[in-house]
């Protein structure tokens, strides 16, 4: 089972810059997409005929948007759009689920709030959303069954977990959103419980590998990045993870997003 996750930073621009070639070359069974920022019919057309698409667009035009592309031939038996009822507009387009019994897995494409450290309103929205995500993670654990024993939550979490996940830790820690201790506390709880940072499990103690680089300055050229894109799985699926790679573009000019895809293979 080959699973890819990527924040496309606007799918129309990504396709113009070469995303479709990556989709065809990768041949993933499941692709988790974030920040598609496009109408659902357009996203379906862009992904192509080889995939079935489950989507959650944002109610805010030009914002967010998540999707799960499932290779044709794999049956999706249930889909969950969003988290709970009465989602605030700022939370729409950030969570979508698809269950595929043939792979024994419920997949989630998640795009968590970025937040702004010096904007209390935006941080309050981020923490409120994280609370809802945390509650749903508990439900996903409880919903596992003999037919679908695994769950995988992939996407742009917009939070680093440790110093190994960001090139410049000291100038950002407790100063920049995504590197604030209250944000990191959420990941601490999730990874100390029944969820595994499966990419980190395979990459070990290495610095990075990063999945996002600022568009400003020479961040990409200097590999001054952040690892904020995850594939977080239940323990039994983590045991079946056999490989992981970050599809970092060869050069700044060849990027089709400010994020690089995280591609992982599982023995399923």
C-alpha atoms as a PDB file:
ATOM      1  CA  UNK A   1       0.000   0.000   0.000  1.00  0.00           C
ATOM      2  CA  UNK A   2       1.526   3.279  -1.152  1.00  0.00           C
ATOM      3  CA  UNK A   3       0.198   6.442   0.510  1.00  0.00           C
ATOM      4  CA  UNK A   4       1.199  10.013  -0.334  1.00  0.00           C
ATOM      5  CA  UNK A   5       0.267  13.249   1.393  1.00  0.00           C
ATOM      6  CA  UNK A   6       0.950  16.756   0.146  1.00  0.00           C
ATOM      7  CA  UNK A   7      -0.195  20.323   0.674  1.00  0.00           C
ATOM      8  CA  UNK A   8      -0.507  21.503  -2.923  1.00  0.00           C
ATOM      9  CA  UNK A   9      -0.774  25.229  -2.049  1.00  0.00           C
ATOM     10  CA  UNK A  10      -3.505  25.730  -4.652  1.00  0.00           C
ATOM     11  CA  UNK A  11      -4.093  22.819  -7.004  1.00  0.00           C
ATOM     12  CA  UNK A  12      -4.531  24.881 -10.167  1.00  0.00           C
ATOM     13  CA  UNK A  13      -1.114  26.500  -9.787  1.00  0.00           C
ATOM     14  CA  UNK A  14       0.418  23.155  -8.778  1.00  0.00           C
ATOM     15  CA  UNK A  15      -0.827  21.504 -11.967  1.00  0.00           C
ATOM     16  CA  UNK A  16       0.564  24.325 -14.097  1.00  0.00           C
ATOM     17  CA  UNK A  17       3.949  23.739 -12.459  1.00  0.00           C
ATOM     18  CA  UNK A  18       4.043  19.955 -12.941  1.00  0.00           C
ATOM     19  CA  UNK A  19       1.996  18.252 -10.235  1.00  0.00           C
ATOM     20  CA  UNK A  20       0.225  15.938 -12.679  1.00  0.00           C
ATOM     21  CA  UNK A  21       3.560  14.363 -13.695  1.00  0.00           C
ATOM     22  CA  UNK A  22       4.279  13.619 -10.034  1.00  0.00           C
ATOM     23  CA  UNK A  23       0.856  11.966  -9.588  1.00  0.00           C
ATOM     24  CA  UNK A  24       1.437   9.700 -12.590  1.00  0.00           C
ATOM     25  CA  UNK A  25       5.019   8.835 -11.669  1.00  0.00           C
ATOM     26  CA  UNK A  26       4.217   8.096  -8.021  1.00  0.00           C
ATOM     27  CA  UNK A  27       1.255   5.812  -8.700  1.00  0.00           C
ATOM     28  CA  UNK A  28       0.072   5.929  -5.097  1.00  0.00           C
ATOM     29  CA  UNK A  29      -2.951   3.930  -4.003  1.00  0.00           C
ATOM     30  CA  UNK A  30      -4.144   6.826  -1.855  1.00  0.00           C
ATOM     31  CA  UNK A  31      -3.189  10.506  -2.124  1.00  0.00           C
ATOM     32  CA  UNK A  32      -4.112  12.891   0.690  1.00  0.00           C
ATOM     33  CA  UNK A  33      -4.352  16.472  -0.571  1.00  0.00           C
ATOM     34  CA  UNK A  34      -4.515  19.693   1.419  1.00  0.00           C
ATOM     35  CA  UNK A  35      -5.051  23.354   0.579  1.00  0.00           C
ATOM     36  CA  UNK A  36      -6.531  22.535  -2.811  1.00  0.00           C
ATOM     37  CA  UNK A  37      -8.390  25.883  -2.906  1.00  0.00           C
ATOM     38  CA  UNK A  38     -10.608  24.973  -5.860  1.00  0.00           C
ATOM     39  CA  UNK A  39     -14.173  23.824  -6.600  1.00  0.00           C
ATOM     40  CA  UNK A  40     -14.772  20.103  -6.198  1.00  0.00           C
ATOM     41  CA  UNK A  41     -15.541  19.409  -9.873  1.00  0.00           C
ATOM     42  CA  UNK A  42     -12.303  21.098 -10.931  1.00  0.00           C
ATOM     43  CA  UNK A  43     -10.246  19.067  -8.444  1.00  0.00           C
ATOM     44  CA  UNK A  44     -11.791  15.824  -9.724  1.00  0.00           C
ATOM     45  CA  UNK A  45     -10.905  16.760 -13.302  1.00  0.00           C
ATOM     46  CA  UNK A  46      -7.330  17.645 -12.359  1.00  0.00           C
ATOM     47  CA  UNK A  47      -6.623  14.423 -10.454  1.00  0.00           C
ATOM     48  CA  UNK A  48      -7.745  12.392 -13.459  1.00  0.00           C
ATOM     49  CA  UNK A  49      -9.644   9.247 -14.316  1.00  0.00           C
ATOM     50  CA  UNK A  50      -7.429   6.860 -12.343  1.00  0.00           C
ATOM     51  CA  UNK A  51      -8.754   8.077  -8.992  1.00  0.00           C
ATOM     52  CA  UNK A  52     -12.015   8.422  -7.129  1.00  0.00           C
ATOM     53  CA  UNK A  53     -12.131  11.639  -5.122  1.00  0.00           C
ATOM     54  CA  UNK A  54     -13.631  12.358  -1.706  1.00  0.00           C
ATOM     55  CA  UNK A  55     -13.511  16.072  -0.916  1.00  0.00           C
ATOM     56  CA  UNK A  56     -14.311  18.750   1.595  1.00  0.00           C
ATOM     57  CA  UNK A  57     -14.147  22.264   0.213  1.00  0.00           C
ATOM     58  CA  UNK A  58     -14.036  25.299   2.471  1.00  0.00           C
ATOM     59  CA  UNK A  59     -17.083  27.529   2.725  1.00  0.00           C
ATOM     60  CA  UNK A  60     -14.610  30.427   2.536  1.00  0.00           C
ATOM     61  CA  UNK A  61     -13.791  31.019  -1.122  1.00  0.00           C
ATOM     62  CA  UNK A  62     -10.144  30.488  -2.012  1.00  0.00           C
ATOM     63  CA  UNK A  63      -9.269  28.953   1.360  1.00  0.00           C
ATOM     64  CA  UNK A  64      -8.227  25.505   2.597  1.00  0.00           C
ATOM     65  CA  UNK A  65      -9.896  22.474   0.977  1.00  0.00           C
ATOM     66  CA  UNK A  66      -8.927  18.828   1.512  1.00  0.00           C
ATOM     67  CA  UNK A  67      -9.370  15.702  -0.583  1.00  0.00           C
ATOM     68  CA  UNK A  68      -8.573  12.001  -0.675  1.00  0.00           C
ATOM     69  CA  UNK A  69      -7.794  10.487  -4.079  1.00  0.00           C
ATOM     70  CA  UNK A  70      -8.347   6.720  -4.098  1.00  0.00           C
ATOM     71  CA  UNK A  71      -7.079   4.568  -6.938  1.00  0.00           C
ATOM     72  CA  UNK A  72      -9.911   3.157  -9.048  1.00  0.00           C
ATOM     73  CA  UNK A  73     -10.694  -0.432  -8.078  1.00  0.00           C
ATOM     74  CA  UNK A  74     -10.427   0.266  -4.351  1.00  0.00           C
ATOM     75  CA  UNK A  75     -13.886   0.596  -2.833  1.00  0.00           C
ATOM     76  CA  UNK A  76     -14.633   3.387  -0.386  1.00  0.00           C
ATOM     77  CA  UNK A  77     -17.407   2.118   1.879  1.00  0.00           C
ATOM     78  CA  UNK A  78     -17.864   5.232   3.987  1.00  0.00           C
ATOM     79  CA  UNK A  79     -16.786   8.850   4.017  1.00  0.00           C
ATOM     80  CA  UNK A  80     -16.891  11.507   6.721  1.00  0.00           C
ATOM     81  CA  UNK A  81     -16.850  15.139   5.653  1.00  0.00           C
ATOM     82  CA  UNK A  82     -15.573  17.485   8.349  1.00  0.00           C
ATOM     83  CA  UNK A  83     -15.556  17.027  12.124  1.00  0.00           C
ATOM     84  CA  UNK A  84     -18.965  16.960  13.755  1.00  0.00           C
ATOM     85  CA  UNK A  85     -21.901  19.235  13.083  1.00  0.00           C
ATOM     86  CA  UNK A  86     -21.963  23.021  12.877  1.00  0.00           C
ATOM     87  CA  UNK A  87     -18.320  23.460  11.909  1.00  0.00           C
ATOM     88  CA  UNK A  88     -17.196  27.091  12.065  1.00  0.00           C
ATOM     89  CA  UNK A  89     -16.431  28.445   8.606  1.00  0.00           C
ATOM     90  CA  UNK A  90     -12.734  28.674   9.472  1.00  0.00           C
ATOM     91  CA  UNK A  91     -12.686  24.916  10.174  1.00  0.00           C
ATOM     92  CA  UNK A  92     -14.342  23.834   6.927  1.00  0.00           C
ATOM     93  CA  UNK A  93     -12.132  22.293   4.278  1.00  0.00           C
ATOM     94  CA  UNK A  94      -9.729  20.919   6.858  1.00  0.00           C
ATOM     95  CA  UNK A  95     -10.819  17.307   7.524  1.00  0.00           C
ATOM     96  CA  UNK A  96     -12.137  14.475   5.357  1.00  0.00           C
ATOM     97  CA  UNK A  97     -12.177  10.702   5.932  1.00  0.00           C
ATOM     98  CA  UNK A  98     -12.507   7.643   3.690  1.00  0.00           C
ATOM     99  CA  UNK A  99     -12.676   3.996   4.773  1.00  0.00           C
ATOM    100  CA  UNK A 100     -11.272   1.349   2.406  1.00  0.00           C
ATOM    101  CA  UNK A 101     -11.869  -2.183   3.780  1.00  0.00           C
ATOM    102  CA  UNK A 102      -9.604  -3.799   1.155  1.00  0.00           C
ATOM    103  CA  UNK A 103      -6.706  -1.896   2.742  1.00  0.00           C
ATOM    104  CA  UNK A 104      -8.123  -2.342   6.249  1.00  0.00           C
ATOM    105  CA  UNK A 105      -7.728   1.371   6.865  1.00  0.00           C
ATOM    106  CA  UNK A 106      -9.645   4.566   7.497  1.00  0.00           C
ATOM    107  CA  UNK A 107      -7.739   7.443   5.884  1.00  0.00           C
ATOM    108  CA  UNK A 108      -7.922  11.102   6.899  1.00  0.00           C
ATOM    109  CA  UNK A 109      -6.651  14.114   4.990  1.00  0.00           C
ATOM    110  CA  UNK A 110      -6.119  16.884   7.545  1.00  0.00           C
ATOM    111  CA  UNK A 111      -5.146  20.517   7.135  1.00  0.00           C
ATOM    112  CA  UNK A 112      -4.755  22.026  10.593  1.00  0.00           C
ATOM    113  CA  UNK A 113      -4.746  25.765  11.213  1.00  0.00           C
ATOM    114  CA  UNK A 114      -1.452  27.607  10.838  1.00  0.00           C
ATOM    115  CA  UNK A 115      -2.243  30.281  13.410  1.00  0.00           C
ATOM    116  CA  UNK A 116      -0.404  33.541  14.034  1.00  0.00           C
ATOM    117  CA  UNK A 117       1.531  33.736  17.294  1.00  0.00           C
ATOM    118  CA  UNK A 118       0.731  37.393  18.022  1.00  0.00           C
ATOM    119  CA  UNK A 119      -2.931  37.148  16.960  1.00  0.00           C
ATOM    120  CA  UNK A 120      -4.982  35.821  19.915  1.00  0.00           C
ATOM    121  CA  UNK A 121      -8.110  35.344  17.785  1.00  0.00           C
ATOM    122  CA  UNK A 122      -6.340  33.152  15.239  1.00  0.00           C
ATOM    123  CA  UNK A 123      -4.587  31.129  17.940  1.00  0.00           C
ATOM    124  CA  UNK A 124      -7.881  30.607  19.773  1.00  0.00           C
ATOM    125  CA  UNK A 125      -9.382  29.251  16.536  1.00  0.00           C
ATOM    126  CA  UNK A 126      -6.385  26.965  16.099  1.00  0.00           C
ATOM    127  CA  UNK A 127      -6.592  25.541  19.621  1.00  0.00           C
ATOM    128  CA  UNK A 128     -10.369  25.079  19.357  1.00  0.00           C
ATOM    129  CA  UNK A 129      -9.871  23.123  16.136  1.00  0.00           C
ATOM    130  CA  UNK A 130      -7.082  21.057  17.689  1.00  0.00           C
ATOM    131  CA  UNK A 131      -9.444  20.174  20.536  1.00  0.00           C
ATOM    132  CA  UNK A 132     -12.013  18.916  18.028  1.00  0.00           C
ATOM    133  CA  UNK A 133      -9.331  16.981  16.171  1.00  0.00           C
ATOM    134  CA  UNK A 134      -8.142  15.411  19.410  1.00  0.00           C
ATOM    135  CA  UNK A 135     -11.671  14.271  20.239  1.00  0.00           C
ATOM    136  CA  UNK A 136     -12.101  12.777  16.760  1.00  0.00           C
ATOM    137  CA  UNK A 137      -8.784  10.938  17.066  1.00  0.00           C
ATOM    138  CA  UNK A 138     -10.140   9.209  20.147  1.00  0.00           C
ATOM    139  CA  UNK A 139     -13.281   8.233  18.251  1.00  0.00           C
ATOM    140  CA  UNK A 140     -11.252   6.815  15.371  1.00  0.00           C
ATOM    141  CA  UNK A 141      -9.412   4.554  17.792  1.00  0.00           C
ATOM    142  CA  UNK A 142     -12.701   3.334  19.235  1.00  0.00           C
ATOM    143  CA  UNK A 143     -14.203   2.730  15.778  1.00  0.00           C
ATOM    144  CA  UNK A 144     -11.548   0.237  14.659  1.00  0.00           C
ATOM    145  CA  UNK A 145     -12.907  -3.189  13.813  1.00  0.00           C
ATOM    146  CA  UNK A 146     -11.799  -6.605  12.633  1.00  0.00           C
ATOM    147  CA  UNK A 147     -12.507  -5.563   9.036  1.00  0.00           C
ATOM    148  CA  UNK A 148     -10.882  -2.138   9.363  1.00  0.00           C
ATOM    149  CA  UNK A 149      -8.228  -2.408  12.089  1.00  0.00           C
ATOM    150  CA  UNK A 150      -6.070   0.552  11.008  1.00  0.00           C
ATOM    151  CA  UNK A 151      -6.323   4.334  10.785  1.00  0.00           C
ATOM    152  CA  UNK A 152      -3.993   6.813   9.076  1.00  0.00           C
ATOM    153  CA  UNK A 153      -4.197  10.576   9.520  1.00  0.00           C
ATOM    154  CA  UNK A 154      -2.028  12.391   7.019  1.00  0.00           C
ATOM    155  CA  UNK A 155      -1.587  15.994   6.116  1.00  0.00           C
ATOM    156  CA  UNK A 156      -0.251  19.403   6.984  1.00  0.00           C
ATOM    157  CA  UNK A 157      -0.404  19.689  10.781  1.00  0.00           C
ATOM    158  CA  UNK A 158       1.331  23.100  10.843  1.00  0.00           C
ATOM    159  CA  UNK A 159       3.209  22.094  14.017  1.00  0.00           C
ATOM    160  CA  UNK A 160       6.735  20.780  14.457  1.00  0.00           C
ATOM    161  CA  UNK A 161       7.187  18.212  17.185  1.00  0.00           C
ATOM    162  CA  UNK A 162      10.837  18.461  18.252  1.00  0.00           C
ATOM    163  CA  UNK A 163      14.058  20.310  17.467  1.00  0.00           C
ATOM    164  CA  UNK A 164      14.760  17.703  14.772  1.00  0.00           C
ATOM    165  CA  UNK A 165      11.756  18.957  12.801  1.00  0.00           C
ATOM    166  CA  UNK A 166      12.924  22.511  12.122  1.00  0.00           C
ATOM    167  CA  UNK A 167      16.260  23.904  10.982  1.00  0.00           C
ATOM    168  CA  UNK A 168      16.115  27.034  13.150  1.00  0.00           C
ATOM    169  CA  UNK A 169      14.627  25.920  16.456  1.00  0.00           C
ATOM    170  CA  UNK A 170      15.960  28.519  18.891  1.00  0.00           C
ATOM    171  CA  UNK A 171      14.789  31.699  17.114  1.00  0.00           C
ATOM    172  CA  UNK A 172      11.323  30.195  16.547  1.00  0.00           C
ATOM    173  CA  UNK A 173      10.536  28.248  19.723  1.00  0.00           C
ATOM    174  CA  UNK A 174       7.694  29.937  21.647  1.00  0.00           C
ATOM    175  CA  UNK A 175       7.856  32.872  19.237  1.00  0.00           C
ATOM    176  CA  UNK A 176       6.413  31.541  15.965  1.00  0.00           C
ATOM    177  CA  UNK A 177       3.152  29.684  15.424  1.00  0.00           C
ATOM    178  CA  UNK A 178       3.838  26.040  14.733  1.00  0.00           C
ATOM    179  CA  UNK A 179       6.670  26.067  17.266  1.00  0.00           C
ATOM    180  CA  UNK A 180       4.735  27.157  20.371  1.00  0.00           C
ATOM    181  CA  UNK A 181       4.814  24.788  23.331  1.00  0.00           C
ATOM    182  CA  UNK A 182       1.002  24.683  23.734  1.00  0.00           C
ATOM    183  CA  UNK A 183       0.802  23.496  20.097  1.00  0.00           C
ATOM    184  CA  UNK A 184       3.557  20.946  20.595  1.00  0.00           C
ATOM    185  CA  UNK A 185       1.725  19.642  23.671  1.00  0.00           C
ATOM    186  CA  UNK A 186      -1.003  18.291  21.389  1.00  0.00           C
ATOM    187  CA  UNK A 187       1.497  16.223  19.412  1.00  0.00           C
ATOM    188  CA  UNK A 188       3.124  15.074  22.640  1.00  0.00           C
ATOM    189  CA  UNK A 189      -0.212  13.679  23.800  1.00  0.00           C
ATOM    190  CA  UNK A 190      -1.069  12.062  20.484  1.00  0.00           C
ATOM    191  CA  UNK A 191       2.315  10.399  20.041  1.00  0.00           C
ATOM    192  CA  UNK A 192       2.464   9.285  23.671  1.00  0.00           C
ATOM    193  CA  UNK A 193      -0.913   7.598  23.255  1.00  0.00           C
ATOM    194  CA  UNK A 194      -2.194   5.316  20.529  1.00  0.00           C
ATOM    195  CA  UNK A 195      -0.862   7.269  17.555  1.00  0.00           C
ATOM    196  CA  UNK A 196       2.561   6.891  15.934  1.00  0.00           C
ATOM    197  CA  UNK A 197       4.565   9.486  14.000  1.00  0.00           C
ATOM    198  CA  UNK A 198       5.344   6.817  11.429  1.00  0.00           C
ATOM    199  CA  UNK A 199       7.651   8.947   9.292  1.00  0.00           C
ATOM    200  CA  UNK A 200       9.801   9.754  12.323  1.00  0.00           C
ATOM    201  CA  UNK A 201       9.753   6.089  13.328  1.00  0.00           C
ATOM    202  CA  UNK A 202      11.453   5.222  10.030  1.00  0.00           C
ATOM    203  CA  UNK A 203      13.767   8.241   9.780  1.00  0.00           C
ATOM    204  CA  UNK A 204      15.128   7.836  13.309  1.00  0.00           C
ATOM    205  CA  UNK A 205      17.171  10.566  14.980  1.00  0.00           C
ATOM    206  CA  UNK A 206      18.073  12.383  11.765  1.00  0.00           C
ATOM    207  CA  UNK A 207      17.511  16.110  11.422  1.00  0.00           C
ATOM    208  CA  UNK A 208      14.436  16.489   9.223  1.00  0.00           C
ATOM    209  CA  UNK A 209      13.788  15.438   6.550  1.00  0.00           C
ATOM    210  CA  UNK A 210      11.824  18.641   6.055  1.00  0.00           C
ATOM    211  CA  UNK A 211       8.591  18.936   4.082  1.00  0.00           C
ATOM    212  CA  UNK A 212       8.039  22.716   3.941  1.00  0.00           C
ATOM    213  CA  UNK A 213      10.250  25.703   3.190  1.00  0.00           C
ATOM    214  CA  UNK A 214       9.377  29.378   3.300  1.00  0.00           C
ATOM    215  CA  UNK A 215       9.096  31.082  -0.070  1.00  0.00           C
ATOM    216  CA  UNK A 216      11.182  33.940   1.314  1.00  0.00           C
ATOM    217  CA  UNK A 217      14.920  34.253   1.007  1.00  0.00           C
ATOM    218  CA  UNK A 218      17.044  31.169   0.378  1.00  0.00           C
ATOM    219  CA  UNK A 219      15.185  28.822   2.722  1.00  0.00           C
ATOM    220  CA  UNK A 220      14.801  26.078   0.112  1.00  0.00           C
ATOM    221  CA  UNK A 221      18.331  26.376  -1.257  1.00  0.00           C
ATOM    222  CA  UNK A 222      19.749  26.256   2.286  1.00  0.00           C
ATOM    223  CA  UNK A 223      17.344  23.483   3.342  1.00  0.00           C
ATOM    224  CA  UNK A 224      16.133  25.706   6.189  1.00  0.00           C
ATOM    225  CA  UNK A 225      12.868  23.826   6.411  1.00  0.00           C
ATOM    226  CA  UNK A 226      10.203  22.502   8.731  1.00  0.00           C
ATOM    227  CA  UNK A 227       8.798  18.984   9.028  1.00  0.00           C
ATOM    228  CA  UNK A 228       5.097  19.729   9.441  1.00  0.00           C
ATOM    229  CA  UNK A 229       3.549  17.137   7.106  1.00  0.00           C
ATOM    230  CA  UNK A 230       2.811  13.817   8.772  1.00  0.00           C
ATOM    231  CA  UNK A 231       1.483  10.317   8.315  1.00  0.00           C
ATOM    232  CA  UNK A 232       0.237   9.461  11.791  1.00  0.00           C
ATOM    233  CA  UNK A 233      -1.022   5.900  12.183  1.00  0.00           C
ATOM    234  CA  UNK A 234      -2.355   3.446  14.698  1.00  0.00           C
ATOM    235  CA  UNK A 235       0.375   1.212  16.167  1.00  0.00           C
ATOM    236  CA  UNK A 236      -0.443  -1.922  14.190  1.00  0.00           C
ATOM    237  CA  UNK A 237      -0.189  -0.045  10.901  1.00  0.00           C
ATOM    238  CA  UNK A 238       3.029   1.643  12.033  1.00  0.00           C
ATOM    239  CA  UNK A 239       4.540  -1.823  12.429  1.00  0.00           C
ATOM    240  CA  UNK A 240       3.776  -2.412   8.748  1.00  0.00           C
ATOM    241  CA  UNK A 241       5.500   0.764   7.514  1.00  0.00           C
ATOM    242  CA  UNK A 242       8.442  -0.275   5.354  1.00  0.00           C
ATOM    243  CA  UNK A 243       9.679   2.907   3.639  1.00  0.00           C
ATOM    244  CA  UNK A 244       9.295   6.669   3.565  1.00  0.00           C
ATOM    245  CA  UNK A 245      10.567   9.399   1.311  1.00  0.00           C
ATOM    246  CA  UNK A 246      10.107  13.136   0.855  1.00  0.00           C
ATOM    247  CA  UNK A 247       9.837  14.051  -2.825  1.00  0.00           C
ATOM    248  CA  UNK A 248      11.847  17.250  -2.544  1.00  0.00           C
ATOM    249  CA  UNK A 249      12.191  19.059  -5.861  1.00  0.00           C
ATOM    250  CA  UNK A 250      15.711  19.113  -7.362  1.00  0.00           C
ATOM    251  CA  UNK A 251      15.692  22.925  -7.426  1.00  0.00           C
ATOM    252  CA  UNK A 252      13.609  25.897  -6.330  1.00  0.00           C
ATOM    253  CA  UNK A 253      12.495  26.482  -9.920  1.00  0.00           C
ATOM    254  CA  UNK A 254      11.148  22.924 -10.206  1.00  0.00           C
ATOM    255  CA  UNK A 255       8.856  23.114  -7.175  1.00  0.00           C
ATOM    256  CA  UNK A 256       5.111  22.945  -7.716  1.00  0.00           C
ATOM    257  CA  UNK A 257       4.274  23.688  -4.062  1.00  0.00           C
ATOM    258  CA  UNK A 258       6.027  25.160  -1.057  1.00  0.00           C
ATOM    259  CA  UNK A 259       5.535  21.700   0.512  1.00  0.00           C
ATOM    260  CA  UNK A 260       7.097  18.447  -0.696  1.00  0.00           C
ATOM    261  CA  UNK A 261       5.068  15.217  -0.796  1.00  0.00           C
ATOM    262  CA  UNK A 262       5.600  12.613   1.908  1.00  0.00           C
ATOM    263  CA  UNK A 263       5.294   9.149   0.344  1.00  0.00           C
ATOM    264  CA  UNK A 264       5.173   6.011   2.493  1.00  0.00           C
ATOM    265  CA  UNK A 265       4.771   2.309   1.787  1.00  0.00           C
ATOM    266  CA  UNK A 266       3.029  -0.114   4.121  1.00  0.00           C
ATOM    267  CA  UNK A 267       2.975  -3.901   3.993  1.00  0.00           C
ATOM    268  CA  UNK A 268      -0.803  -4.110   3.615  1.00  0.00           C
END
